[in-house]
Structure formats: C-alpha cells, structure tokens
Amino acid sequence: MDEPKPGFDLEERLLDFAAAIVRFTESMHRTPAGLHVAGQLLRSGTSPMPNHGEAQAAESAADFVHKMSICLKELRETRRWLRLVHRVPLVRSPATADPLIQETEELIKIFYRSITTAKKRALRKGGEGER
C-alpha cells in the first residue's frame, strides 16, 4: 500500500470535490430545470477526479496534457452550471453554491498551471506534447 503523501494531494482534493458535488446535486430542487441542471452538474463536476487518474497514467507528455485538458474543460463547465444554480436559484439557499464555486476556481487555476508547465517541459524536450 502506498504511503500517504505529505502536504498537497490533488487526488484527495478532487475526491472531496466530487463528493461535495454529489451532495450538492442531491439538495437541488426536483423541478424539470433542477433535475436537468443537477444531471449536467453531476457529470461535469465528478469527471475531473477519474480523468486526473487517467492523466497520472498518461503514456506521453502529449497524452498527459490532453487528459489534464479534459479535466480543465470539465471544471470550466462545472463553474458555469454552478453559477446558473446560484443565479436561478435551483437550491433553497443559493449561498451554498459559493464554496463550490470557489473550489472550482482554485482547481481551474491548478489544472491550468499544470498544463502550462507540462507544455513548457515538453517543448524543452524537443516538442513532445505539442499538438
């Protein structure tokens, strides 16, 4: 069994985020709009966790960047759904979306930086990872 990593653990953070998304969607209004948005949010908000696992098993720098980019795309979609839930609102207390929106913003920054770093490293190694 692997030893727990000290400090920052993106896998655990993504697991916590996915769990929070699941709990949040369970609290949404059971109207046609609420059910539709909850389904979309559930898909996009839980997707980064398994896709990050795929990125960790990437076969090349290009594959890593591609899979991390999928995570980033899903997080950006999640941010938009959360903003809609807050705006409509589709939950009893719209402020309950605020911590999720904040965490989504932070995760977007982490993934963006990781992708940028991976692309720079690939360029230094002769272009691997460029599309």
C-alpha atoms as a PDB file:
ATOM      1  CA  MET A   1       0.000   0.000   0.000  1.00  0.00           C
ATOM      2  CA  ASP A   2       1.305   3.486  -0.874  1.00  0.00           C
ATOM      3  CA  GLU A   3       2.289   5.810   1.937  1.00  0.00           C
ATOM      4  CA  PRO A   4       0.145   8.941   2.173  1.00  0.00           C
ATOM      5  CA  LYS A   5       1.814  11.952   0.600  1.00  0.00           C
ATOM      6  CA  PRO A   6       2.542  14.840   2.946  1.00  0.00           C
ATOM      7  CA  GLY A   7       1.100  18.220   2.027  1.00  0.00           C
ATOM      8  CA  PHE A   8      -0.922  18.806  -1.109  1.00  0.00           C
ATOM      9  CA  ASP A   9      -2.801  15.792  -2.515  1.00  0.00           C
ATOM     10  CA  LEU A  10      -4.728  16.625  -5.670  1.00  0.00           C
ATOM     11  CA  GLU A  11      -6.327  13.185  -5.828  1.00  0.00           C
ATOM     12  CA  GLU A  12      -7.870  13.647  -2.368  1.00  0.00           C
ATOM     13  CA  ARG A  13      -8.908  17.192  -3.201  1.00  0.00           C
ATOM     14  CA  LEU A  14     -10.672  16.002  -6.349  1.00  0.00           C
ATOM     15  CA  LEU A  15     -12.337  13.185  -4.414  1.00  0.00           C
ATOM     16  CA  ASP A  16     -13.603  15.706  -1.832  1.00  0.00           C
ATOM     17  CA  PHE A  17     -14.781  17.984  -4.649  1.00  0.00           C
ATOM     18  CA  ALA A  18     -16.663  15.161  -6.405  1.00  0.00           C
ATOM     19  CA  ALA A  19     -18.296  14.143  -3.111  1.00  0.00           C
ATOM     20  CA  ALA A  20     -19.350  17.743  -2.479  1.00  0.00           C
ATOM     21  CA  ILE A  21     -20.830  17.951  -5.981  1.00  0.00           C
ATOM     22  CA  VAL A  22     -22.807  14.747  -5.371  1.00  0.00           C
ATOM     23  CA  ARG A  23     -24.159  16.071  -2.067  1.00  0.00           C
ATOM     24  CA  PHE A  24     -24.951  19.452  -3.637  1.00  0.00           C
ATOM     25  CA  THR A  25     -26.862  17.966  -6.585  1.00  0.00           C
ATOM     26  CA  GLU A  26     -28.863  15.833  -4.139  1.00  0.00           C
ATOM     27  CA  SER A  27     -30.032  19.070  -2.483  1.00  0.00           C
ATOM     28  CA  MET A  28     -31.243  20.715  -5.697  1.00  0.00           C
ATOM     29  CA  HIS A  29     -34.921  21.335  -6.401  1.00  0.00           C
ATOM     30  CA  ARG A  30     -36.651  18.385  -8.065  1.00  0.00           C
ATOM     31  CA  THR A  31     -38.204  20.506 -10.819  1.00  0.00           C
ATOM     32  CA  PRO A  32     -37.619  19.797 -14.520  1.00  0.00           C
ATOM     33  CA  ALA A  33     -34.946  22.517 -14.613  1.00  0.00           C
ATOM     34  CA  GLY A  34     -33.420  21.376 -11.330  1.00  0.00           C
ATOM     35  CA  LEU A  35     -33.203  17.765 -12.464  1.00  0.00           C
ATOM     36  CA  HIS A  36     -31.676  18.719 -15.809  1.00  0.00           C
ATOM     37  CA  VAL A  37     -29.041  21.004 -14.309  1.00  0.00           C
ATOM     38  CA  ALA A  38     -28.329  18.545 -11.480  1.00  0.00           C
ATOM     39  CA  GLY A  39     -27.579  15.825 -14.037  1.00  0.00           C
ATOM     40  CA  GLN A  40     -25.290  18.070 -16.050  1.00  0.00           C
ATOM     41  CA  LEU A  41     -23.511  19.316 -12.923  1.00  0.00           C
ATOM     42  CA  LEU A  42     -23.147  15.779 -11.598  1.00  0.00           C
ATOM     43  CA  ARG A  43     -21.454  14.671 -14.828  1.00  0.00           C
ATOM     44  CA  SER A  44     -19.092  17.624 -15.210  1.00  0.00           C
ATOM     45  CA  GLY A  45     -18.334  18.008 -11.509  1.00  0.00           C
ATOM     46  CA  THR A  46     -17.389  14.384 -10.895  1.00  0.00           C
ATOM     47  CA  SER A  47     -15.461  13.958 -14.158  1.00  0.00           C
ATOM     48  CA  PRO A  48     -12.174  15.642 -13.131  1.00  0.00           C
ATOM     49  CA  MET A  49     -11.465  13.007 -10.458  1.00  0.00           C
ATOM     50  CA  PRO A  50     -11.298   9.948 -12.752  1.00  0.00           C
ATOM     51  CA  ASN A  51      -9.796  11.928 -15.627  1.00  0.00           C
ATOM     52  CA  HIS A  52      -6.982  13.058 -13.339  1.00  0.00           C
ATOM     53  CA  GLY A  53      -6.328   9.368 -12.652  1.00  0.00           C
ATOM     54  CA  GLU A  54      -6.099   8.823 -16.406  1.00  0.00           C
ATOM     55  CA  ALA A  55      -3.610  11.717 -16.658  1.00  0.00           C
ATOM     56  CA  GLN A  56      -1.451  10.116 -13.975  1.00  0.00           C
ATOM     57  CA  ALA A  57      -1.227   7.025 -16.179  1.00  0.00           C
ATOM     58  CA  ALA A  58      -0.527   9.007 -19.354  1.00  0.00           C
ATOM     59  CA  GLU A  59       1.701   7.334 -21.928  1.00  0.00           C
ATOM     60  CA  SER A  60       3.379  10.534 -23.089  1.00  0.00           C
ATOM     61  CA  ALA A  61       3.578  14.235 -22.352  1.00  0.00           C
ATOM     62  CA  ALA A  62       1.006  14.856 -25.082  1.00  0.00           C
ATOM     63  CA  ASP A  63      -1.342  12.288 -23.543  1.00  0.00           C
ATOM     64  CA  PHE A  64      -0.867  13.902 -20.116  1.00  0.00           C
ATOM     65  CA  VAL A  65      -1.667  17.372 -21.469  1.00  0.00           C
ATOM     66  CA  HIS A  66      -4.704  16.026 -23.311  1.00  0.00           C
ATOM     67  CA  LYS A  67      -6.148  14.304 -20.247  1.00  0.00           C
ATOM     68  CA  MET A  68      -5.421  17.255 -17.970  1.00  0.00           C
ATOM     69  CA  SER A  69      -7.114  19.484 -20.554  1.00  0.00           C
ATOM     70  CA  ILE A  70     -10.237  17.327 -20.290  1.00  0.00           C
ATOM     71  CA  CYS A  71     -10.202  17.928 -16.520  1.00  0.00           C
ATOM     72  CA  LEU A  72      -9.860  21.672 -17.113  1.00  0.00           C
ATOM     73  CA  LYS A  73     -12.709  21.670 -19.630  1.00  0.00           C
ATOM     74  CA  GLU A  74     -14.994  19.815 -17.223  1.00  0.00           C
ATOM     75  CA  LEU A  75     -14.123  22.197 -14.380  1.00  0.00           C
ATOM     76  CA  ARG A  76     -14.951  25.194 -16.545  1.00  0.00           C
ATOM     77  CA  GLU A  77     -18.287  23.599 -17.416  1.00  0.00           C
ATOM     78  CA  THR A  78     -18.922  22.904 -13.734  1.00  0.00           C
ATOM     79  CA  ARG A  79     -18.263  26.558 -12.891  1.00  0.00           C
ATOM     80  CA  ARG A  80     -20.922  27.627 -15.390  1.00  0.00           C
ATOM     81  CA  TRP A  81     -23.524  25.180 -14.070  1.00  0.00           C
ATOM     82  CA  LEU A  82     -22.834  26.287 -10.503  1.00  0.00           C
ATOM     83  CA  ARG A  83     -23.257  29.932 -11.478  1.00  0.00           C
ATOM     84  CA  LEU A  84     -26.598  29.062 -13.085  1.00  0.00           C
ATOM     85  CA  VAL A  85     -27.764  27.209  -9.967  1.00  0.00           C
ATOM     86  CA  HIS A  86     -26.819  30.262  -7.922  1.00  0.00           C
ATOM     87  CA  ARG A  87     -28.476  32.716 -10.337  1.00  0.00           C
ATOM     88  CA  VAL A  88     -31.844  30.954 -10.789  1.00  0.00           C
ATOM     89  CA  PRO A  89     -31.656  29.688  -7.839  1.00  0.00           C
ATOM     90  CA  LEU A  90     -32.102  25.932  -8.010  1.00  0.00           C
ATOM     91  CA  VAL A  91     -31.325  25.307  -4.338  1.00  0.00           C
ATOM     92  CA  ARG A  92     -33.025  26.540  -1.184  1.00  0.00           C
ATOM     93  CA  SER A  93     -30.055  28.737  -0.224  1.00  0.00           C
ATOM     94  CA  PRO A  94     -28.022  29.979  -3.218  1.00  0.00           C
ATOM     95  CA  ALA A  95     -25.083  30.792  -0.924  1.00  0.00           C
ATOM     96  CA  THR A  96     -24.472  27.045  -0.533  1.00  0.00           C
ATOM     97  CA  ALA A  97     -23.023  27.138  -4.059  1.00  0.00           C
ATOM     98  CA  ASP A  98     -20.383  29.718  -3.107  1.00  0.00           C
ATOM     99  CA  PRO A  99     -17.802  27.332  -1.580  1.00  0.00           C
ATOM    100  CA  LEU A 100     -18.148  25.020  -4.577  1.00  0.00           C
ATOM    101  CA  ILE A 101     -17.702  27.912  -6.988  1.00  0.00           C
ATOM    102  CA  GLN A 102     -14.584  28.982  -5.068  1.00  0.00           C
ATOM    103  CA  GLU A 103     -13.118  25.470  -5.082  1.00  0.00           C
ATOM    104  CA  THR A 104     -13.880  25.156  -8.792  1.00  0.00           C
ATOM    105  CA  GLU A 105     -11.983  28.398  -9.434  1.00  0.00           C
ATOM    106  CA  GLU A 106      -8.993  27.141  -7.457  1.00  0.00           C
ATOM    107  CA  LEU A 107      -8.976  23.786  -9.254  1.00  0.00           C
ATOM    108  CA  ILE A 108      -9.167  25.545 -12.627  1.00  0.00           C
ATOM    109  CA  LYS A 109      -6.041  27.526 -11.700  1.00  0.00           C
ATOM    110  CA  ILE A 110      -4.212  24.374 -10.586  1.00  0.00           C
ATOM    111  CA  PHE A 111      -5.029  22.491 -13.784  1.00  0.00           C
ATOM    112  CA  TYR A 112      -4.235  25.472 -15.998  1.00  0.00           C
ATOM    113  CA  ARG A 113      -0.812  25.854 -14.363  1.00  0.00           C
ATOM    114  CA  SER A 114      -0.110  22.118 -14.607  1.00  0.00           C
ATOM    115  CA  ILE A 115      -0.965  22.080 -18.307  1.00  0.00           C
ATOM    116  CA  THR A 116       1.145  25.168 -18.981  1.00  0.00           C
ATOM    117  CA  THR A 117       4.108  23.657 -17.116  1.00  0.00           C
ATOM    118  CA  ALA A 118       3.779  20.325 -18.907  1.00  0.00           C
ATOM    119  CA  LYS A 119       3.686  22.054 -22.300  1.00  0.00           C
ATOM    120  CA  LYS A 120       6.807  24.088 -21.478  1.00  0.00           C
ATOM    121  CA  ARG A 121       8.673  20.981 -20.330  1.00  0.00           C
ATOM    122  CA  ALA A 122       7.644  19.127 -23.459  1.00  0.00           C
ATOM    123  CA  LEU A 123       8.891  21.976 -25.646  1.00  0.00           C
ATOM    124  CA  ARG A 124      12.254  21.907 -23.872  1.00  0.00           C
ATOM    125  CA  LYS A 125      12.479  18.168 -24.568  1.00  0.00           C
ATOM    126  CA  GLY A 126      12.029  18.633 -28.281  1.00  0.00           C
ATOM    127  CA  GLY A 127       8.358  19.259 -28.933  1.00  0.00           C
ATOM    128  CA  GLU A 128       6.758  16.185 -27.393  1.00  0.00           C
ATOM    129  CA  GLY A 129       3.308  17.143 -26.231  1.00  0.00           C
ATOM    130  CA  GLU A 130       2.691  19.855 -28.779  1.00  0.00           C
ATOM    131  CA  ARG A 131      -0.346  19.493 -30.983  1.00  0.00           C
END
